[in-house]
Full PDB file with SEQRES, HELIX, SHEET, SSBOND, CRYST1, ORIGX, SCALE, CONECT and MASTER records, all heavy atoms in Angstrom:
SEQRES   1 A   31  ASP GLY ASP HIS VAL HIS VAL SER SER THR PRO PRO ALA          
SEQRES   2 A   31  THR ALA SER GLY HIS GLY TRP TRP MET ASP PRO LEU GLY          
SEQRES   3 A   31  LYS HIS LYS ASN VAL                                          
SHEET    1 AA1 2 HIS A   6  VAL A   7  0                                        
SHEET    2 AA1 2 ALA A  15  SER A  16 -1                                        
CRYST1    1.000    1.000    1.000  90.00  90.00  90.00 P 1           1          
ORIGX1      1.000000  0.000000  0.000000        0.00000                         
ORIGX2      0.000000  1.000000  0.000000        0.00000                         
ORIGX3      0.000000  0.000000  1.000000        0.00000                         
SCALE1      1.000000  0.000000  0.000000        0.00000                         
SCALE2      0.000000  1.000000  0.000000        0.00000                         
SCALE3      0.000000  0.000000  1.000000        0.00000                         
ATOM      1  N   ASP A   1      68.293 -19.138 -11.371  1.00  0.00           N  
ATOM      2  CA  ASP A   1      68.868 -19.904 -12.502  1.00  0.00           C  
ATOM      3  C   ASP A   1      67.867 -19.817 -13.743  1.00  0.00           C  
ATOM      4  O   ASP A   1      66.728 -19.440 -13.593  1.00  0.00           O  
ATOM      5  CB  ASP A   1      69.213 -21.234 -12.152  1.00  0.00           C  
ATOM      6  CG  ASP A   1      70.352 -21.886 -13.046  1.00  0.00           C  
ATOM      7  OD1 ASP A   1      70.716 -21.278 -13.986  1.00  0.00           O  
ATOM      8  OD2 ASP A   1      70.770 -22.954 -12.656  1.00  0.00           O  
ATOM      9  N   GLY A   2      68.342 -20.111 -14.877  1.00  0.00           N  
ATOM     10  CA  GLY A   2      67.537 -20.216 -16.107  1.00  0.00           C  
ATOM     11  C   GLY A   2      68.261 -20.709 -17.189  1.00  0.00           C  
ATOM     12  O   GLY A   2      69.589 -20.901 -17.123  1.00  0.00           O  
ATOM     13  N   ASP A   3      67.722 -20.911 -18.340  1.00  0.00           N  
ATOM     14  CA  ASP A   3      68.301 -21.384 -19.568  1.00  0.00           C  
ATOM     15  C   ASP A   3      68.468 -20.338 -20.542  1.00  0.00           C  
ATOM     16  O   ASP A   3      67.885 -19.206 -20.345  1.00  0.00           O  
ATOM     17  CB  ASP A   3      67.580 -22.641 -20.182  1.00  0.00           C  
ATOM     18  CG  ASP A   3      66.045 -22.280 -20.428  1.00  0.00           C  
ATOM     19  OD1 ASP A   3      65.703 -21.031 -20.426  1.00  0.00           O  
ATOM     20  OD2 ASP A   3      65.411 -23.204 -20.884  1.00  0.00           O  
ATOM     21  N   HIS A   4      69.403 -20.406 -21.530  1.00  0.00           N  
ATOM     22  CA  HIS A   4      69.489 -19.483 -22.616  1.00  0.00           C  
ATOM     23  C   HIS A   4      68.203 -19.427 -23.358  1.00  0.00           C  
ATOM     24  O   HIS A   4      67.523 -20.411 -23.556  1.00  0.00           O  
ATOM     25  CB  HIS A   4      70.715 -19.907 -23.449  1.00  0.00           C  
ATOM     26  CG  HIS A   4      72.003 -20.056 -22.746  1.00  0.00           C  
ATOM     27  ND1 HIS A   4      72.532 -19.030 -21.950  1.00  0.00           N  
ATOM     28  CD2 HIS A   4      72.825 -21.095 -22.678  1.00  0.00           C  
ATOM     29  CE1 HIS A   4      73.568 -19.381 -21.479  1.00  0.00           C  
ATOM     30  NE2 HIS A   4      73.834 -20.685 -21.972  1.00  0.00           N  
ATOM     31  N   VAL A   5      68.042 -18.274 -23.876  1.00  0.00           N  
ATOM     32  CA  VAL A   5      66.793 -18.087 -24.905  1.00  0.00           C  
ATOM     33  C   VAL A   5      66.978 -19.061 -26.037  1.00  0.00           C  
ATOM     34  O   VAL A   5      68.184 -19.199 -26.564  1.00  0.00           O  
ATOM     35  CB  VAL A   5      66.607 -16.629 -25.419  1.00  0.00           C  
ATOM     36  CG1 VAL A   5      65.508 -16.544 -26.307  1.00  0.00           C  
ATOM     37  CG2 VAL A   5      66.469 -15.705 -24.201  1.00  0.00           C  
ATOM     38  N   HIS A   6      66.054 -19.785 -26.452  1.00  0.00           N  
ATOM     39  CA  HIS A   6      66.075 -20.696 -27.522  1.00  0.00           C  
ATOM     40  C   HIS A   6      64.781 -20.680 -28.283  1.00  0.00           C  
ATOM     41  O   HIS A   6      63.759 -20.193 -27.893  1.00  0.00           O  
ATOM     42  CB  HIS A   6      66.329 -22.135 -26.961  1.00  0.00           C  
ATOM     43  CG  HIS A   6      65.264 -22.471 -26.033  1.00  0.00           C  
ATOM     44  ND1 HIS A   6      65.312 -22.150 -24.639  1.00  0.00           N  
ATOM     45  CD2 HIS A   6      64.173 -23.299 -26.141  1.00  0.00           C  
ATOM     46  CE1 HIS A   6      64.307 -22.556 -23.965  1.00  0.00           C  
ATOM     47  NE2 HIS A   6      63.546 -23.318 -24.872  1.00  0.00           N  
ATOM     48  N   VAL A   7      64.886 -21.253 -29.581  1.00  0.00           N  
ATOM     49  CA  VAL A   7      63.663 -21.241 -30.380  1.00  0.00           C  
ATOM     50  C   VAL A   7      62.946 -22.620 -29.997  1.00  0.00           C  
ATOM     51  O   VAL A   7      63.646 -23.640 -30.083  1.00  0.00           O  
ATOM     52  CB  VAL A   7      63.882 -21.221 -31.884  1.00  0.00           C  
ATOM     53  CG1 VAL A   7      62.623 -21.506 -32.699  1.00  0.00           C  
ATOM     54  CG2 VAL A   7      64.596 -19.915 -32.171  1.00  0.00           C  
ATOM     55  N   SER A   8      61.678 -22.492 -29.561  1.00  0.00           N  
ATOM     56  CA  SER A   8      60.952 -23.763 -29.092  1.00  0.00           C  
ATOM     57  C   SER A   8      60.768 -24.665 -30.245  1.00  0.00           C  
ATOM     58  O   SER A   8      60.775 -24.405 -31.506  1.00  0.00           O  
ATOM     59  CB  SER A   8      59.594 -23.312 -28.488  1.00  0.00           C  
ATOM     60  OG  SER A   8      58.824 -22.721 -29.529  1.00  0.00           O  
ATOM     61  N   SER A   9      60.696 -25.950 -29.920  1.00  0.00           N  
ATOM     62  CA  SER A   9      60.611 -27.062 -30.835  1.00  0.00           C  
ATOM     63  C   SER A   9      59.260 -27.314 -31.468  1.00  0.00           C  
ATOM     64  O   SER A   9      59.092 -27.868 -32.525  1.00  0.00           O  
ATOM     65  CB  SER A   9      61.068 -28.356 -30.239  1.00  0.00           C  
ATOM     66  OG  SER A   9      60.234 -28.676 -29.206  1.00  0.00           O  
ATOM     67  N   THR A  10      58.135 -26.639 -30.969  1.00  0.00           N  
ATOM     68  CA  THR A  10      56.804 -26.736 -31.471  1.00  0.00           C  
ATOM     69  C   THR A  10      56.562 -25.507 -32.271  1.00  0.00           C  
ATOM     70  O   THR A  10      56.856 -24.289 -31.903  1.00  0.00           O  
ATOM     71  CB  THR A  10      55.860 -26.993 -30.309  1.00  0.00           C  
ATOM     72  OG1 THR A  10      55.935 -25.892 -29.431  1.00  0.00           O  
ATOM     73  CG2 THR A  10      56.135 -28.337 -29.629  1.00  0.00           C  
ATOM     74  N   PRO A  11      55.823 -25.594 -33.363  1.00  0.00           N  
ATOM     75  CA  PRO A  11      55.382 -24.510 -34.148  1.00  0.00           C  
ATOM     76  C   PRO A  11      54.304 -23.654 -33.384  1.00  0.00           C  
ATOM     77  O   PRO A  11      53.566 -24.286 -32.530  1.00  0.00           O  
ATOM     78  CB  PRO A  11      54.791 -25.124 -35.518  1.00  0.00           C  
ATOM     79  CG  PRO A  11      54.992 -26.552 -35.425  1.00  0.00           C  
ATOM     80  CD  PRO A  11      55.434 -26.909 -34.025  1.00  0.00           C  
ATOM     81  N   PRO A  12      54.239 -22.319 -33.707  1.00  0.00           N  
ATOM     82  CA  PRO A  12      55.058 -21.616 -34.601  1.00  0.00           C  
ATOM     83  C   PRO A  12      56.402 -21.310 -34.035  1.00  0.00           C  
ATOM     84  O   PRO A  12      56.583 -21.558 -32.734  1.00  0.00           O  
ATOM     85  CB  PRO A  12      54.299 -20.281 -34.788  1.00  0.00           C  
ATOM     86  CG  PRO A  12      53.489 -20.204 -33.588  1.00  0.00           C  
ATOM     87  CD  PRO A  12      53.106 -21.545 -33.085  1.00  0.00           C  
ATOM     88  N   ALA A  13      57.391 -20.916 -34.753  1.00  0.00           N  
ATOM     89  CA  ALA A  13      58.781 -20.554 -34.236  1.00  0.00           C  
ATOM     90  C   ALA A  13      58.623 -19.551 -33.157  1.00  0.00           C  
ATOM     91  O   ALA A  13      57.982 -18.512 -33.457  1.00  0.00           O  
ATOM     92  CB  ALA A  13      59.635 -20.198 -35.311  1.00  0.00           C  
ATOM     93  N   THR A  14      59.098 -19.852 -31.985  1.00  0.00           N  
ATOM     94  CA  THR A  14      58.885 -18.882 -30.782  1.00  0.00           C  
ATOM     95  C   THR A  14      60.143 -18.805 -29.953  1.00  0.00           C  
ATOM     96  O   THR A  14      60.730 -19.954 -29.702  1.00  0.00           O  
ATOM     97  CB  THR A  14      57.791 -19.399 -30.014  1.00  0.00           C  
ATOM     98  OG1 THR A  14      56.614 -19.566 -30.747  1.00  0.00           O  
ATOM     99  CG2 THR A  14      57.431 -18.569 -28.885  1.00  0.00           C  
ATOM    100  N   ALA A  15      60.641 -17.656 -29.604  1.00  0.00           N  
ATOM    101  CA  ALA A  15      61.681 -17.615 -28.833  1.00  0.00           C  
ATOM    102  C   ALA A  15      61.272 -17.813 -27.291  1.00  0.00           C  
ATOM    103  O   ALA A  15      60.039 -17.351 -26.990  1.00  0.00           O  
ATOM    104  CB  ALA A  15      62.313 -16.213 -28.814  1.00  0.00           C  
ATOM    105  N   SER A  16      61.969 -18.657 -26.624  1.00  0.00           N  
ATOM    106  CA  SER A  16      61.480 -18.973 -25.267  1.00  0.00           C  
ATOM    107  C   SER A  16      62.664 -19.053 -24.225  1.00  0.00           C  
ATOM    108  O   SER A  16      63.689 -19.338 -24.653  1.00  0.00           O  
ATOM    109  CB  SER A  16      60.865 -20.432 -25.336  1.00  0.00           C  
ATOM    110  OG  SER A  16      60.449 -20.909 -24.115  1.00  0.00           O  
ATOM    111  N   GLY A  17      62.348 -18.675 -23.052  1.00  0.00           N  
ATOM    112  CA  GLY A  17      63.324 -18.557 -22.096  1.00  0.00           C  
ATOM    113  C   GLY A  17      62.682 -18.983 -20.674  1.00  0.00           C  
ATOM    114  O   GLY A  17      61.449 -18.637 -20.447  1.00  0.00           O  
ATOM    115  N   HIS A  18      63.339 -19.762 -19.884  1.00  0.00           N  
ATOM    116  CA  HIS A  18      62.750 -20.212 -18.569  1.00  0.00           C  
ATOM    117  C   HIS A  18      63.639 -19.662 -17.460  1.00  0.00           C  
ATOM    118  O   HIS A  18      64.804 -19.617 -17.563  1.00  0.00           O  
ATOM    119  CB  HIS A  18      62.681 -21.831 -18.487  1.00  0.00           C  
ATOM    120  CG  HIS A  18      61.940 -22.350 -19.678  1.00  0.00           C  
ATOM    121  ND1 HIS A  18      62.584 -22.712 -20.831  1.00  0.00           N  
ATOM    122  CD2 HIS A  18      60.681 -22.719 -19.760  1.00  0.00           C  
ATOM    123  CE1 HIS A  18      61.603 -23.322 -21.549  1.00  0.00           C  
ATOM    124  NE2 HIS A  18      60.509 -23.290 -20.983  1.00  0.00           N  
ATOM    125  N   GLY A  19      62.921 -19.512 -16.291  1.00  0.00           N  
ATOM    126  CA  GLY A  19      63.679 -19.001 -15.048  1.00  0.00           C  
ATOM    127  C   GLY A  19      63.080 -19.909 -13.825  1.00  0.00           C  
ATOM    128  O   GLY A  19      61.919 -20.237 -13.822  1.00  0.00           O  
ATOM    129  N   TRP A  20      63.974 -20.122 -12.969  1.00  0.00           N  
ATOM    130  CA  TRP A  20      63.643 -20.900 -11.709  1.00  0.00           C  
ATOM    131  C   TRP A  20      64.475 -20.545 -10.549  1.00  0.00           C  
ATOM    132  O   TRP A  20      65.490 -19.833 -10.768  1.00  0.00           O  
ATOM    133  CB  TRP A  20      63.628 -22.341 -12.058  1.00  0.00           C  
ATOM    134  CG  TRP A  20      65.033 -22.915 -12.481  1.00  0.00           C  
ATOM    135  CD1 TRP A  20      66.004 -23.356 -11.644  1.00  0.00           C  
ATOM    136  CD2 TRP A  20      65.398 -23.212 -13.899  1.00  0.00           C  
ATOM    137  NE1 TRP A  20      67.152 -23.793 -12.435  1.00  0.00           N  
ATOM    138  CE2 TRP A  20      66.792 -23.698 -13.811  1.00  0.00           C  
ATOM    139  CE3 TRP A  20      64.836 -23.001 -15.122  1.00  0.00           C  
ATOM    140  CZ2 TRP A  20      67.501 -23.975 -14.983  1.00  0.00           C  
ATOM    141  CZ3 TRP A  20      65.640 -23.252 -16.220  1.00  0.00           C  
ATOM    142  CH2 TRP A  20      66.843 -23.760 -16.134  1.00  0.00           C  
ATOM    143  N   TRP A  21      64.335 -21.090  -9.414  1.00  0.00           N  
ATOM    144  CA  TRP A  21      65.280 -20.929  -8.236  1.00  0.00           C  
ATOM    145  C   TRP A  21      65.471 -22.321  -7.618  1.00  0.00           C  
ATOM    146  O   TRP A  21      64.707 -23.152  -7.696  1.00  0.00           O  
ATOM    147  CB  TRP A  21      64.695 -19.891  -7.384  1.00  0.00           C  
ATOM    148  CG  TRP A  21      63.466 -20.371  -6.600  1.00  0.00           C  
ATOM    149  CD1 TRP A  21      62.195 -20.384  -7.098  1.00  0.00           C  
ATOM    150  CD2 TRP A  21      63.398 -20.478  -5.221  1.00  0.00           C  
ATOM    151  NE1 TRP A  21      61.310 -20.698  -6.146  1.00  0.00           N  
ATOM    152  CE2 TRP A  21      62.058 -20.725  -4.882  1.00  0.00           C  
ATOM    153  CE3 TRP A  21      64.198 -20.504  -4.200  1.00  0.00           C  
ATOM    154  CZ2 TRP A  21      61.521 -21.041  -3.627  1.00  0.00           C  
ATOM    155  CZ3 TRP A  21      63.778 -20.891  -2.892  1.00  0.00           C  
ATOM    156  CH2 TRP A  21      62.436 -21.067  -2.714  1.00  0.00           C  
ATOM    157  N   MET A  22      66.772 -22.334  -6.999  1.00  0.00           N  
ATOM    158  CA  MET A  22      67.177 -23.453  -6.272  1.00  0.00           C  
ATOM    159  C   MET A  22      67.353 -23.091  -4.847  1.00  0.00           C  
ATOM    160  O   MET A  22      67.693 -21.987  -4.452  1.00  0.00           O  
ATOM    161  CB  MET A  22      68.443 -24.124  -6.967  1.00  0.00           C  
ATOM    162  CG  MET A  22      68.378 -24.323  -8.381  1.00  0.00           C  
ATOM    163  SD  MET A  22      67.102 -25.574  -8.924  1.00  0.00           S  
ATOM    164  CE  MET A  22      67.897 -27.061  -8.427  1.00  0.00           C  
ATOM    165  N   ASP A  23      67.242 -24.110  -3.956  1.00  0.00           N  
ATOM    166  CA  ASP A  23      67.412 -23.963  -2.561  1.00  0.00           C  
ATOM    167  C   ASP A  23      68.343 -24.928  -2.047  1.00  0.00           C  
ATOM    168  O   ASP A  23      67.971 -26.092  -1.549  1.00  0.00           O  
ATOM    169  CB  ASP A  23      66.060 -24.100  -1.837  1.00  0.00           C  
ATOM    170  CG  ASP A  23      66.059 -23.936  -0.333  1.00  0.00           C  
ATOM    171  OD1 ASP A  23      67.040 -23.355   0.178  1.00  0.00           O  
ATOM    172  OD2 ASP A  23      65.171 -24.340   0.294  1.00  0.00           O  
ATOM    173  N   PRO A  24      69.649 -24.810  -2.333  1.00  0.00           N  
ATOM    174  CA  PRO A  24      70.612 -25.755  -2.063  1.00  0.00           C  
ATOM    175  C   PRO A  24      70.730 -26.425  -0.572  1.00  0.00           C  
ATOM    176  O   PRO A  24      71.191 -27.384  -0.382  1.00  0.00           O  
ATOM    177  CB  PRO A  24      71.949 -25.206  -2.534  1.00  0.00           C  
ATOM    178  CG  PRO A  24      71.744 -23.807  -2.499  1.00  0.00           C  
ATOM    179  CD  PRO A  24      70.242 -23.644  -2.838  1.00  0.00           C  
ATOM    180  N   LEU A  25      70.394 -25.439   0.336  1.00  0.00           N  
ATOM    181  CA  LEU A  25      70.431 -25.844   1.741  1.00  0.00           C  
ATOM    182  C   LEU A  25      69.192 -26.345   2.419  1.00  0.00           C  
ATOM    183  O   LEU A  25      69.124 -26.771   3.464  1.00  0.00           O  
ATOM    184  CB  LEU A  25      71.066 -24.632   2.555  1.00  0.00           C  
ATOM    185  CG  LEU A  25      72.332 -24.200   2.269  1.00  0.00           C  
ATOM    186  CD1 LEU A  25      72.826 -23.055   3.075  1.00  0.00           C  
ATOM    187  CD2 LEU A  25      73.419 -25.380   2.365  1.00  0.00           C  
ATOM    188  N   GLY A  26      68.107 -26.146   1.536  1.00  0.00           N  
ATOM    189  CA  GLY A  26      66.794 -26.718   1.986  1.00  0.00           C  
ATOM    190  C   GLY A  26      66.154 -25.743   3.059  1.00  0.00           C  
ATOM    191  O   GLY A  26      65.324 -26.238   3.976  1.00  0.00           O  
ATOM    192  N   LYS A  27      66.587 -24.550   3.083  1.00  0.00           N  
ATOM    193  CA  LYS A  27      66.073 -23.553   4.151  1.00  0.00           C  
ATOM    194  C   LYS A  27      64.735 -22.953   3.746  1.00  0.00           C  
ATOM    195  O   LYS A  27      64.172 -22.306   4.646  1.00  0.00           O  
ATOM    196  CB  LYS A  27      67.136 -22.541   4.369  1.00  0.00           C  
ATOM    197  CG  LYS A  27      68.426 -22.925   5.033  1.00  0.00           C  
ATOM    198  CD  LYS A  27      69.274 -21.840   5.381  1.00  0.00           C  
ATOM    199  CE  LYS A  27      70.499 -22.339   6.055  1.00  0.00           C  
ATOM    200  NZ  LYS A  27      71.219 -21.331   6.827  1.00  0.00           N  
ATOM    201  N   HIS A  28      64.266 -23.115   2.633  1.00  0.00           N  
ATOM    202  CA  HIS A  28      62.995 -22.593   2.135  1.00  0.00           C  
ATOM    203  C   HIS A  28      62.064 -23.626   1.587  1.00  0.00           C  
ATOM    204  O   HIS A  28      61.406 -23.438   0.544  1.00  0.00           O  
ATOM    205  CB  HIS A  28      63.241 -21.503   0.977  1.00  0.00           C  
ATOM    206  CG  HIS A  28      64.328 -20.445   1.520  1.00  0.00           C  
ATOM    207  ND1 HIS A  28      64.113 -19.561   2.502  1.00  0.00           N  
ATOM    208  CD2 HIS A  28      65.595 -20.380   1.075  1.00  0.00           C  
ATOM    209  CE1 HIS A  28      65.215 -18.856   2.603  1.00  0.00           C  
ATOM    210  NE2 HIS A  28      66.113 -19.251   1.766  1.00  0.00           N  
ATOM    211  N   LYS A  29      61.879 -24.674   2.205  1.00  0.00           N  
ATOM    212  CA  LYS A  29      61.202 -25.892   1.713  1.00  0.00           C  
ATOM    213  C   LYS A  29      59.655 -25.577   1.533  1.00  0.00           C  
ATOM    214  O   LYS A  29      59.107 -26.081   0.559  1.00  0.00           O  
ATOM    215  CB  LYS A  29      61.261 -27.078   2.661  1.00  0.00           C  
ATOM    216  CG  LYS A  29      62.687 -27.697   2.769  1.00  0.00           C  
ATOM    217  CD  LYS A  29      62.785 -28.902   3.636  1.00  0.00           C  
ATOM    218  CE  LYS A  29      64.123 -29.495   3.590  1.00  0.00           C  
ATOM    219  NZ  LYS A  29      64.383 -30.634   4.314  1.00  0.00           N  
ATOM    220  N   ASN A  30      59.147 -24.804   2.237  1.00  0.00           N  
ATOM    221  CA  ASN A  30      57.674 -24.582   2.134  1.00  0.00           C  
ATOM    222  C   ASN A  30      57.378 -23.028   1.490  1.00  0.00           C  
ATOM    223  O   ASN A  30      56.254 -22.741   1.685  1.00  0.00           O  
ATOM    224  CB  ASN A  30      56.888 -24.689   3.385  1.00  0.00           C  
ATOM    225  CG  ASN A  30      57.023 -26.189   3.886  1.00  0.00           C  
ATOM    226  OD1 ASN A  30      56.753 -27.154   3.111  1.00  0.00           O  
ATOM    227  ND2 ASN A  30      57.188 -26.397   5.153  1.00  0.00           N  
ATOM    228  N   VAL A  31      58.453 -22.550   0.925  1.00  0.00           N  
ATOM    229  CA  VAL A  31      58.302 -21.084   0.454  1.00  0.00           C  
ATOM    230  C   VAL A  31      58.093 -21.196  -1.175  1.00  0.00           C  
ATOM    231  O   VAL A  31      58.716 -21.964  -1.738  1.00  0.00           O  
ATOM    232  CB  VAL A  31      59.578 -20.337   0.769  1.00  0.00           C  
ATOM    233  CG1 VAL A  31      59.584 -19.033   0.155  1.00  0.00           C  
ATOM    234  CG2 VAL A  31      59.737 -20.241   2.250  1.00  0.00           C  
TER     235      VAL A  31                                                      
MASTER        0    0    0    0    2    0    0    6  234    1    0    3          
END                                                                             
């Protein structure tokens, strides 16, 4: 998962994007 690219709120103006992962069943707790 991740968010849409956006301009960060702190100067200087910067395009920013984040990515992450979710483990909905909890099968990878220590991974």
